[in-house]
C-alpha cells in the first residue's frame, strides 16, 4: 500500500496537522504509528471522525468515522467558555 492521510474537520472537531500527508509504502502485515491531535470547538460528548486513508496504488479510499467518543469539558469555572 502507498498511503496518503487526509484529516477532514467536522462541525465541532478540528484536526491539527498537515492534511494530505504522504505516509509512504506499507508492506503487508506492517504497521505505522502516528500521533494525531484534534481539538473541539464545543463542549459535551463529541465523536472523533473525519480520517481518510487513500491507497494511491489501488486508488481506494478508506473512511474512518466515529473512531472514538470523548467528553469535552470547559477547564474554566465560568459558564462562558
PDB file of N, CA and C in Angstrom:
ATOM      1  N   UNK A   1       0.838  -1.179   0.000  1.00  0.00           N
ATOM      2  CA  UNK A   1       0.000   0.000   0.000  1.00  0.00           C
ATOM      3  C   UNK A   1       0.884   1.244   0.000  1.00  0.00           C
ATOM      4  N   UNK A   2       0.465   2.231  -0.733  1.00  0.00           N
ATOM      5  CA  UNK A   2       1.124   3.539  -0.736  1.00  0.00           C
ATOM      6  C   UNK A   2       0.068   4.528  -0.253  1.00  0.00           C
ATOM      7  N   UNK A   3       0.190   4.995   0.988  1.00  0.00           N
ATOM      8  CA  UNK A   3      -0.899   5.700   1.654  1.00  0.00           C
ATOM      9  C   UNK A   3      -0.726   7.210   1.731  1.00  0.00           C
ATOM     10  N   UNK A   4      -1.874   7.904   1.624  1.00  0.00           N
ATOM     11  CA  UNK A   4      -1.973   9.338   1.871  1.00  0.00           C
ATOM     12  C   UNK A   4      -3.062   9.517   2.929  1.00  0.00           C
ATOM     13  N   UNK A   5      -2.788  10.338   3.944  1.00  0.00           N
ATOM     14  CA  UNK A   5      -3.744  10.574   5.019  1.00  0.00           C
ATOM     15  C   UNK A   5      -4.348  11.966   4.893  1.00  0.00           C
ATOM     16  N   UNK A   6      -5.679  12.026   4.953  1.00  0.00           N
ATOM     17  CA  UNK A   6      -6.388  13.303   4.967  1.00  0.00           C
ATOM     18  C   UNK A   6      -7.178  13.406   6.259  1.00  0.00           C
ATOM     19  N   UNK A   7      -7.214  14.595   6.816  1.00  0.00           N
ATOM     20  CA  UNK A   7      -7.968  14.849   8.034  1.00  0.00           C
ATOM     21  C   UNK A   7      -9.033  15.886   7.708  1.00  0.00           C
ATOM     22  N   UNK A   8     -10.294  15.481   7.786  1.00  0.00           N
ATOM     23  CA  UNK A   8     -11.417  16.349   7.421  1.00  0.00           C
ATOM     24  C   UNK A   8     -12.104  16.848   8.693  1.00  0.00           C
ATOM     25  N   UNK A   9     -12.146  18.158   8.872  1.00  0.00           N
ATOM     26  CA  UNK A   9     -12.801  18.735  10.041  1.00  0.00           C
ATOM     27  C   UNK A   9     -14.301  18.499   9.982  1.00  0.00           C
ATOM     28  N   UNK A  10     -14.914  18.391  11.159  1.00  0.00           N
ATOM     29  CA  UNK A  10     -16.367  18.326  11.260  1.00  0.00           C
ATOM     30  C   UNK A  10     -16.847  19.630  11.887  1.00  0.00           C
ATOM     31  N   UNK A  11     -18.115  19.697  12.196  1.00  0.00           N
ATOM     32  CA  UNK A  11     -18.675  20.928  12.770  1.00  0.00           C
ATOM     33  C   UNK A  11     -18.009  21.293  14.094  1.00  0.00           C
ATOM     34  N   UNK A  12     -17.690  20.293  14.905  1.00  0.00           N
ATOM     35  CA  UNK A  12     -17.135  20.583  16.229  1.00  0.00           C
ATOM     36  C   UNK A  12     -15.729  20.026  16.459  1.00  0.00           C
ATOM     37  N   UNK A  13     -15.275  19.131  15.611  1.00  0.00           N
ATOM     38  CA  UNK A  13     -13.946  18.532  15.768  1.00  0.00           C
ATOM     39  C   UNK A  13     -13.025  19.050  14.670  1.00  0.00           C
ATOM     40  N   UNK A  14     -11.847  19.547  15.084  1.00  0.00           N
ATOM     41  CA  UNK A  14     -10.889  20.133  14.147  1.00  0.00           C
ATOM     42  C   UNK A  14      -9.541  19.432  14.322  1.00  0.00           C
ATOM     43  N   UNK A  15      -9.039  18.899  13.221  1.00  0.00           N
ATOM     44  CA  UNK A  15      -7.756  18.208  13.235  1.00  0.00           C
ATOM     45  C   UNK A  15      -6.616  19.211  13.187  1.00  0.00           C
ATOM     46  N   UNK A  16      -5.545  18.941  13.906  1.00  0.00           N
ATOM     47  CA  UNK A  16      -4.335  19.759  13.875  1.00  0.00           C
ATOM     48  C   UNK A  16      -3.268  18.989  13.104  1.00  0.00           C
ATOM     49  N   UNK A  17      -2.600  19.655  12.206  1.00  0.00           N
ATOM     50  CA  UNK A  17      -1.544  18.995  11.446  1.00  0.00           C
ATOM     51  C   UNK A  17      -1.732  19.172   9.953  1.00  0.00           C
ATOM     52  N   UNK A  18      -0.922  18.471   9.188  1.00  0.00           N
ATOM     53  CA  UNK A  18      -0.922  18.594   7.737  1.00  0.00           C
ATOM     54  C   UNK A  18      -1.816  17.525   7.136  1.00  0.00           C
ATOM     55  N   UNK A  19      -2.872  17.951   6.445  1.00  0.00           N
ATOM     56  CA  UNK A  19      -3.747  17.019   5.754  1.00  0.00           C
ATOM     57  C   UNK A  19      -3.181  16.758   4.361  1.00  0.00           C
ATOM     58  N   UNK A  20      -3.439  15.577   3.830  1.00  0.00           N
ATOM     59  CA  UNK A  20      -2.889  15.213   2.538  1.00  0.00           C
ATOM     60  C   UNK A  20      -1.453  14.718   2.648  1.00  0.00           C
ATOM     61  N   UNK A  21      -1.085  14.319   3.832  1.00  0.00           N
ATOM     62  CA  UNK A  21       0.284  13.884   4.126  1.00  0.00           C
ATOM     63  C   UNK A  21       0.569  12.499   3.523  1.00  0.00           C
ATOM     64  N   UNK A  22       1.644  12.392   2.793  1.00  0.00           N
ATOM     65  CA  UNK A  22       2.082  11.128   2.199  1.00  0.00           C
ATOM     66  C   UNK A  22       2.708  10.274   3.289  1.00  0.00           C
ATOM     67  N   UNK A  23       2.150   9.099   3.542  1.00  0.00           N
ATOM     68  CA  UNK A  23       2.688   8.215   4.575  1.00  0.00           C
ATOM     69  C   UNK A  23       3.694   7.222   4.017  1.00  0.00           C
ATOM     70  N   UNK A  24       3.690   7.062   2.700  1.00  0.00           N
ATOM     71  CA  UNK A  24       4.649   6.157   2.076  1.00  0.00           C
ATOM     72  C   UNK A  24       4.118   4.744   1.944  1.00  0.00           C
ATOM     73  N   UNK A  25       4.992   3.860   1.547  1.00  0.00           N
ATOM     74  CA  UNK A  25       4.615   2.469   1.308  1.00  0.00           C
ATOM     75  C   UNK A  25       4.545   1.687   2.611  1.00  0.00           C
ATOM     76  N   UNK A  26       3.539   0.827   2.690  1.00  0.00           N
ATOM     77  CA  UNK A  26       3.341  -0.014   3.863  1.00  0.00           C
ATOM     78  C   UNK A  26       3.238  -1.463   3.389  1.00  0.00           C
ATOM     79  N   UNK A  27       4.125  -2.310   3.861  1.00  0.00           N
ATOM     80  CA  UNK A  27       4.151  -3.719   3.475  1.00  0.00           C
ATOM     81  C   UNK A  27       3.025  -4.498   4.143  1.00  0.00           C
ATOM     82  N   UNK A  28       2.657  -5.653   3.590  1.00  0.00           N
ATOM     83  CA  UNK A  28       1.641  -6.499   4.233  1.00  0.00           C
ATOM     84  C   UNK A  28       2.054  -6.850   5.663  1.00  0.00           C
ATOM     85  N   UNK A  29       1.080  -6.822   6.569  1.00  0.00           N
ATOM     86  CA  UNK A  29       1.253  -7.130   7.996  1.00  0.00           C
ATOM     87  C   UNK A  29       2.115  -6.106   8.730  1.00  0.00           C
ATOM     88  N   UNK A  30       2.455  -4.995   8.075  1.00  0.00           N
ATOM     89  CA  UNK A  30       3.236  -3.937   8.732  1.00  0.00           C
ATOM     90  C   UNK A  30       2.290  -2.949   9.402  1.00  0.00           C
ATOM     91  N   UNK A  31       2.828  -2.123  10.263  1.00  0.00           N
ATOM     92  CA  UNK A  31       2.024  -1.087  10.923  1.00  0.00           C
ATOM     93  C   UNK A  31       2.815   0.212  10.970  1.00  0.00           C
ATOM     94  N   UNK A  32       2.092   1.275  11.235  1.00  0.00           N
ATOM     95  CA  UNK A  32       2.682   2.606  11.309  1.00  0.00           C
ATOM     96  C   UNK A  32       1.985   3.351  12.435  1.00  0.00           C
ATOM     97  N   UNK A  33       2.751   3.908  13.337  1.00  0.00           N
ATOM     98  CA  UNK A  33       2.191   4.648  14.463  1.00  0.00           C
ATOM     99  C   UNK A  33       2.371   6.143  14.218  1.00  0.00           C
ATOM    100  N   UNK A  34       1.262   6.891  14.289  1.00  0.00           N
ATOM    101  CA  UNK A  34       1.294   8.338  14.059  1.00  0.00           C
ATOM    102  C   UNK A  34       0.578   9.062  15.192  1.00  0.00           C
ATOM    103  N   UNK A  35       1.199  10.077  15.773  1.00  0.00           N
ATOM    104  CA  UNK A  35       0.465  10.885  16.758  1.00  0.00           C
ATOM    105  C   UNK A  35      -0.487  11.831  16.016  1.00  0.00           C
ATOM    106  N   UNK A  36      -1.745  11.862  16.423  1.00  0.00           N
ATOM    107  CA  UNK A  36      -2.739  12.750  15.820  1.00  0.00           C
ATOM    108  C   UNK A  36      -3.339  13.622  16.904  1.00  0.00           C
ATOM    109  N   UNK A  37      -3.604  14.882  16.587  1.00  0.00           N
ATOM    110  CA  UNK A  37      -4.142  15.831  17.552  1.00  0.00           C
ATOM    111  C   UNK A  37      -5.417  16.461  17.007  1.00  0.00           C
ATOM    112  N   UNK A  38      -6.439  16.533  17.850  1.00  0.00           N
ATOM    113  CA  UNK A  38      -7.689  17.206  17.500  1.00  0.00           C
ATOM    114  C   UNK A  38      -8.055  18.173  18.617  1.00  0.00           C
ATOM    115  N   UNK A  39      -8.886  19.166  18.279  1.00  0.00           N
ATOM    116  CA  UNK A  39      -9.478  19.987  19.332  1.00  0.00           C
ATOM    117  C   UNK A  39     -10.947  20.185  19.011  1.00  0.00           C
ATOM    118  N   UNK A  40     -11.711  20.432  20.044  1.00  0.00           N
ATOM    119  CA  UNK A  40     -13.152  20.584  19.897  1.00  0.00           C
ATOM    120  C   UNK A  40     -13.545  22.035  20.115  1.00  0.00           C
ATOM    121  N   UNK A  41     -14.477  22.516  19.320  1.00  0.00           N
ATOM    122  CA  UNK A  41     -14.990  23.876  19.476  1.00  0.00           C
ATOM    123  C   UNK A  41     -16.298  23.882  20.274  1.00  0.00           C
ATOM    124  N   UNK A  42     -16.726  22.706  20.743  1.00  0.00           N
ATOM    125  CA  UNK A  42     -17.956  22.591  21.520  1.00  0.00           C
ATOM    126  C   UNK A  42     -17.736  21.672  22.715  1.00  0.00           C
ATOM    127  N   UNK A  43     -18.467  21.922  23.784  1.00  0.00           N
ATOM    128  CA  UNK A  43     -18.437  21.064  24.959  1.00  0.00           C
ATOM    129  C   UNK A  43     -19.409  19.906  24.769  1.00  0.00           C
ATOM    130  N   UNK A  44     -19.267  18.895  25.620  1.00  0.00           N
ATOM    131  CA  UNK A  44     -20.183  17.754  25.600  1.00  0.00           C
ATOM    132  C   UNK A  44     -19.551  16.547  24.937  1.00  0.00           C
ATOM    133  N   UNK A  45     -20.374  15.535  24.690  1.00  0.00           N
ATOM    134  CA  UNK A  45     -19.909  14.306  24.072  1.00  0.00           C
ATOM    135  C   UNK A  45     -19.673  14.530  22.582  1.00  0.00           C
ATOM    136  N   UNK A  46     -18.439  14.326  22.133  1.00  0.00           N
ATOM    137  CA  UNK A  46     -18.063  14.565  20.743  1.00  0.00           C
ATOM    138  C   UNK A  46     -17.542  13.277  20.115  1.00  0.00           C
ATOM    139  N   UNK A  47     -17.914  13.052  18.861  1.00  0.00           N
ATOM    140  CA  UNK A  47     -17.455  11.888  18.114  1.00  0.00           C
ATOM    141  C   UNK A  47     -16.252  12.283  17.260  1.00  0.00           C
ATOM    142  N   UNK A  48     -15.164  11.532  17.378  1.00  0.00           N
ATOM    143  CA  UNK A  48     -13.968  11.787  16.583  1.00  0.00           C
ATOM    144  C   UNK A  48     -14.172  11.136  15.213  1.00  0.00           C
ATOM    145  N   UNK A  49     -14.217  11.958  14.177  1.00  0.00           N
ATOM    146  CA  UNK A  49     -14.480  11.491  12.816  1.00  0.00           C
ATOM    147  C   UNK A  49     -13.625  12.273  11.832  1.00  0.00           C
ATOM    148  N   UNK A  50     -13.660  11.839  10.577  1.00  0.00           N
ATOM    149  CA  UNK A  50     -13.044  12.616   9.513  1.00  0.00           C
ATOM    150  C   UNK A  50     -11.647  12.194   9.095  1.00  0.00           C
ATOM    151  N   UNK A  51     -11.253  10.971   9.405  1.00  0.00           N
ATOM    152  CA  UNK A  51      -9.933  10.496   8.997  1.00  0.00           C
ATOM    153  C   UNK A  51     -10.081   9.664   7.730  1.00  0.00           C
ATOM    154  N   UNK A  52      -9.294   9.992   6.703  1.00  0.00           N
ATOM    155  CA  UNK A  52      -9.360   9.298   5.419  1.00  0.00           C
ATOM    156  C   UNK A  52      -7.963   8.816   5.026  1.00  0.00           C
ATOM    157  N   UNK A  53      -7.856   7.555   4.658  1.00  0.00           N
ATOM    158  CA  UNK A  53      -6.607   6.999   4.138  1.00  0.00           C
ATOM    159  C   UNK A  53      -6.859   6.572   2.702  1.00  0.00           C
ATOM    160  N   UNK A  54      -6.013   7.030   1.793  1.00  0.00           N
ATOM    161  CA  UNK A  54      -6.141   6.672   0.388  1.00  0.00           C
ATOM    162  C   UNK A  54      -4.931   5.860  -0.040  1.00  0.00           C
ATOM    163  N   UNK A  55      -5.196   4.682  -0.609  1.00  0.00           N
ATOM    164  CA  UNK A  55      -4.155   3.860  -1.202  1.00  0.00           C
ATOM    165  C   UNK A  55      -3.993   4.345  -2.637  1.00  0.00           C
ATOM    166  N   UNK A  56      -2.912   5.048  -2.911  1.00  0.00           N
ATOM    167  CA  UNK A  56      -2.727   5.643  -4.238  1.00  0.00           C
ATOM    168  C   UNK A  56      -2.436   4.590  -5.299  1.00  0.00           C
ATOM    169  N   UNK A  57      -1.964   3.417  -4.886  1.00  0.00           N
ATOM    170  CA  UNK A  57      -1.703   2.342  -5.836  1.00  0.00           C
ATOM    171  C   UNK A  57      -3.012   1.726  -6.334  1.00  0.00           C
ATOM    172  N   UNK A  58      -3.932   1.423  -5.410  1.00  0.00           N
ATOM    173  CA  UNK A  58      -5.222   0.819  -5.769  1.00  0.00           C
ATOM    174  C   UNK A  58      -6.302   1.856  -6.069  1.00  0.00           C
ATOM    175  N   UNK A  59      -6.003   3.143  -5.787  1.00  0.00           N
ATOM    176  CA  UNK A  59      -6.986   4.224  -5.959  1.00  0.00           C
ATOM    177  C   UNK A  59      -8.234   3.959  -5.111  1.00  0.00           C
ATOM    178  N   UNK A  60      -8.007   3.523  -3.875  1.00  0.00           N
ATOM    179  CA  UNK A  60      -9.114   3.216  -2.971  1.00  0.00           C
ATOM    180  C   UNK A  60      -8.983   4.062  -1.707  1.00  0.00           C
ATOM    181  N   UNK A  61     -10.115   4.635  -1.265  1.00  0.00           N
ATOM    182  CA  UNK A  61     -10.130   5.459  -0.056  1.00  0.00           C
ATOM    183  C   UNK A  61     -10.863   4.735   1.064  1.00  0.00           C
ATOM    184  N   UNK A  62     -10.251   4.739   2.235  1.00  0.00           N
ATOM    185  CA  UNK A  62     -10.842   4.144   3.431  1.00  0.00           C
ATOM    186  C   UNK A  62     -11.230   5.290   4.365  1.00  0.00           C
ATOM    187  N   UNK A  63     -12.508   5.357   4.733  1.00  0.00           N
ATOM    188  CA  UNK A  63     -13.011   6.433   5.585  1.00  0.00           C
ATOM    189  C   UNK A  63     -13.209   5.909   6.997  1.00  0.00           C
ATOM    190  N   UNK A  64     -12.697   6.661   7.963  1.00  0.00           N
ATOM    191  CA  UNK A  64     -12.828   6.289   9.367  1.00  0.00           C
ATOM    192  C   UNK A  64     -13.592   7.384  10.097  1.00  0.00           C
ATOM    193  N   UNK A  65     -14.844   7.086  10.403  1.00  0.00           N
ATOM    194  CA  UNK A  65     -15.691   7.997  11.154  1.00  0.00           C
ATOM    195  C   UNK A  65     -16.091   7.315  12.458  1.00  0.00           C
ATOM    196  N   UNK A  66     -16.472   8.103  13.429  1.00  0.00           N
ATOM    197  CA  UNK A  66     -16.831   7.585  14.753  1.00  0.00           C
ATOM    198  C   UNK A  66     -15.733   6.678  15.308  1.00  0.00           C
ATOM    199  N   UNK A  67     -14.492   7.173  15.230  1.00  0.00           N
ATOM    200  CA  UNK A  67     -13.336   6.423  15.732  1.00  0.00           C
ATOM    201  C   UNK A  67     -13.426   6.263  17.246  1.00  0.00           C
ATOM    202  N   UNK A  68     -13.852   7.325  17.899  1.00  0.00           N
ATOM    203  CA  UNK A  68     -13.984   7.313  19.358  1.00  0.00           C
ATOM    204  C   UNK A  68     -14.938   8.425  19.760  1.00  0.00           C
ATOM    205  N   UNK A  69     -15.374   8.385  20.999  1.00  0.00           N
ATOM    206  CA  UNK A  69     -16.171   9.469  21.552  1.00  0.00           C
ATOM    207  C   UNK A  69     -15.469   9.982  22.797  1.00  0.00           C
ATOM    208  N   UNK A  70     -15.433  11.310  22.933  1.00  0.00           N
ATOM    209  CA  UNK A  70     -14.802  11.934  24.090  1.00  0.00           C
ATOM    210  C   UNK A  70     -15.761  12.955  24.691  1.00  0.00           C
ATOM    211  N   UNK A  71     -15.661  13.126  25.987  1.00  0.00           N
ATOM    212  CA  UNK A  71     -16.464  14.141  26.665  1.00  0.00           C
ATOM    213  C   UNK A  71     -15.584  15.374  26.850  1.00  0.00           C
ATOM    214  N   UNK A  72     -15.992  16.491  26.247  1.00  0.00           N
ATOM    215  CA  UNK A  72     -15.227  17.732  26.305  1.00  0.00           C
ATOM    216  C   UNK A  72     -15.853  18.625  27.369  1.00  0.00           C
ATOM    217  N   UNK A  73     -15.025  19.060  28.321  1.00  0.00           N
ATOM    218  CA  UNK A  73     -15.493  19.974  29.367  1.00  0.00           C
ATOM    219  C   UNK A  73     -14.631  21.215  29.377  1.00  0.00           C
ATOM    220  N   UNK A  74     -15.214  22.306  29.783  1.00  0.00           N
ATOM    221  CA  UNK A  74     -14.501  23.578  29.849  1.00  0.00           C
ATOM    222  C   UNK A  74     -13.598  23.588  31.091  1.00  0.00           C
ATOM    223  N   UNK A  75     -12.332  23.965  30.942  1.00  0.00           N
ATOM    224  CA  UNK A  75     -11.417  23.961  32.087  1.00  0.00           C
ATOM    225  C   UNK A  75     -11.597  25.155  33.020  1.00  0.00           C
ATOM    226  N   UNK A  76     -12.477  26.092  32.673  1.00  0.00           N
ATOM    227  CA  UNK A  76     -12.666  27.302  33.464  1.00  0.00           C
ATOM    228  C   UNK A  76     -13.900  27.174  34.340  1.00  0.00           C
ATOM    229  N   UNK A  77     -13.947  27.950  35.409  1.00  0.00           N
ATOM    230  CA  UNK A  77     -15.064  27.919  36.337  1.00  0.00           C
ATOM    231  C   UNK A  77     -16.264  28.701  35.810  1.00  0.00           C
ATOM    232  N   UNK A  78     -16.057  29.659  34.934  1.00  0.00           N
ATOM    233  CA  UNK A  78     -17.125  30.498  34.411  1.00  0.00           C
ATOM    234  C   UNK A  78     -18.049  29.687  33.507  1.00  0.00           C
ATOM    235  N   UNK A  79     -19.306  30.124  33.394  1.00  0.00           N
ATOM    236  CA  UNK A  79     -20.253  29.470  32.496  1.00  0.00           C
ATOM    237  C   UNK A  79     -20.005  29.849  31.048  1.00  0.00           C
ATOM    238  N   UNK A  80     -19.200  30.890  30.820  1.00  0.00           N
ATOM    239  CA  UNK A  80     -18.916  31.333  29.466  1.00  0.00           C
ATOM    240  C   UNK A  80     -17.494  30.921  29.087  1.00  0.00           C
ATOM    241  N   UNK A  81     -17.375  29.957  28.208  1.00  0.00           N
ATOM    242  CA  UNK A  81     -16.051  29.474  27.793  1.00  0.00           C
ATOM    243  C   UNK A  81     -15.754  29.944  26.399  1.00  0.00           C
TER     244      UNK A  81
END
